[in-house]
């Protein structure tokens, strides 16, 4: 949105809640606040951190006063690099804010790259970026396989952008074919299907028929999952039941039935169920899927709870990519139990565990020092920390 458009646009409801800002900054964006306070915010005169600054300016582009909207838009486009280089990488910023800056800085590759690498940037924003992106940005977009399976229009934008390398289009479309994503409207996808499955252009009808059969099988499986309540609310945590009881047998049978239907789905559909549709029961099954992208999609689901993530953080069977996603997510690492479980997981790299060790209570540090399952280097570091704090046993 240009400055002129911001001034002319009628005031709309801001998609970001006032609570996104600390209480002491809210008076500068609150529609009920005096105009001079809001104008101070719009002029970026209030000393804020990078995250708060970009969020406040975005919120003020929805102000009822055209002058405030125009000033906020002008300030947004003129923010210094020291603010933007931190804010655009911040994964805790609200997605609509990142969407706004993706459009604002579409012509500046250094900022576009930060937004493309930020997992909180909405898929729709990545699609818009991809439509007119340079080759360097397109190569980065093409590496995020999970995004492409989650939002197939990114693949379309990639394939239709003349700046995309032909080899990149081929690799992406080959991956989509193998993952069960259907993009019949793309000639590059149809060519990839022939490449992956063999055959010539004359076999196109047969290929379409096979794809249609797969689609029908997936639709049937999805209908069965919905009928079994796999899209419903998570409900309470599972309670222990007596071994061999009718209740236990019924529960096991239901899990088996859900698992069988999920096995019918291709990778792309599994990701959809992992990320958006599935309840806790489905997520638990998909966390054991052999495909790491499916497991990562579960971790990024809006429905997953901190309790579920804490269990994964302690799991010795979790792929390294999943553990990496957890310990690189600053928001998740604010949860004490997740942090503690990661440190006690022998699969977590020692350097990562040591980074968080000093944030534990002394009782837990003592437990880590005595834990035979963690790497020796971590146990030694815990002992040294105890000695430093004077909490080691004799």
Foldseek 3Di string as FASTA:
>chain_A
DALVCLLPDAQDDDPDDLVVAPPVLSLLLPLPHDPVSVQCLLQVVDDDALLRNLVSLSSQSRHRHSVSNSSSNVCNLVPDPVSLVVNLQALVHAQVSNLVVLVSPLPPVVNVQSNLPRPNHDLVSLLVSLLADAQVSLVSNLVPLLSCLQPVSSLVSNLPRPRHDPVSNLVSLLVCLQQLHDDPVDPSNLVSVCVNVPDDPVCSVVVVVVSVVLVVLLVVLVVVCVVLVFQPEQDDPDDDDDPPDPVVVVVVVSLVSNLVSLVSDGNSVLLCCLAEGGYPSSVVSQCPDPDLSSVVSNVNHPRDDLVVLLVLLQDQPGDPVSVCVQLVNPVSCVDPSSLLSNLLRQVRDLVSNLVCLVVDDLVSLQVLLVDPSHDPVSNVSSQVVCVVVVNDDD
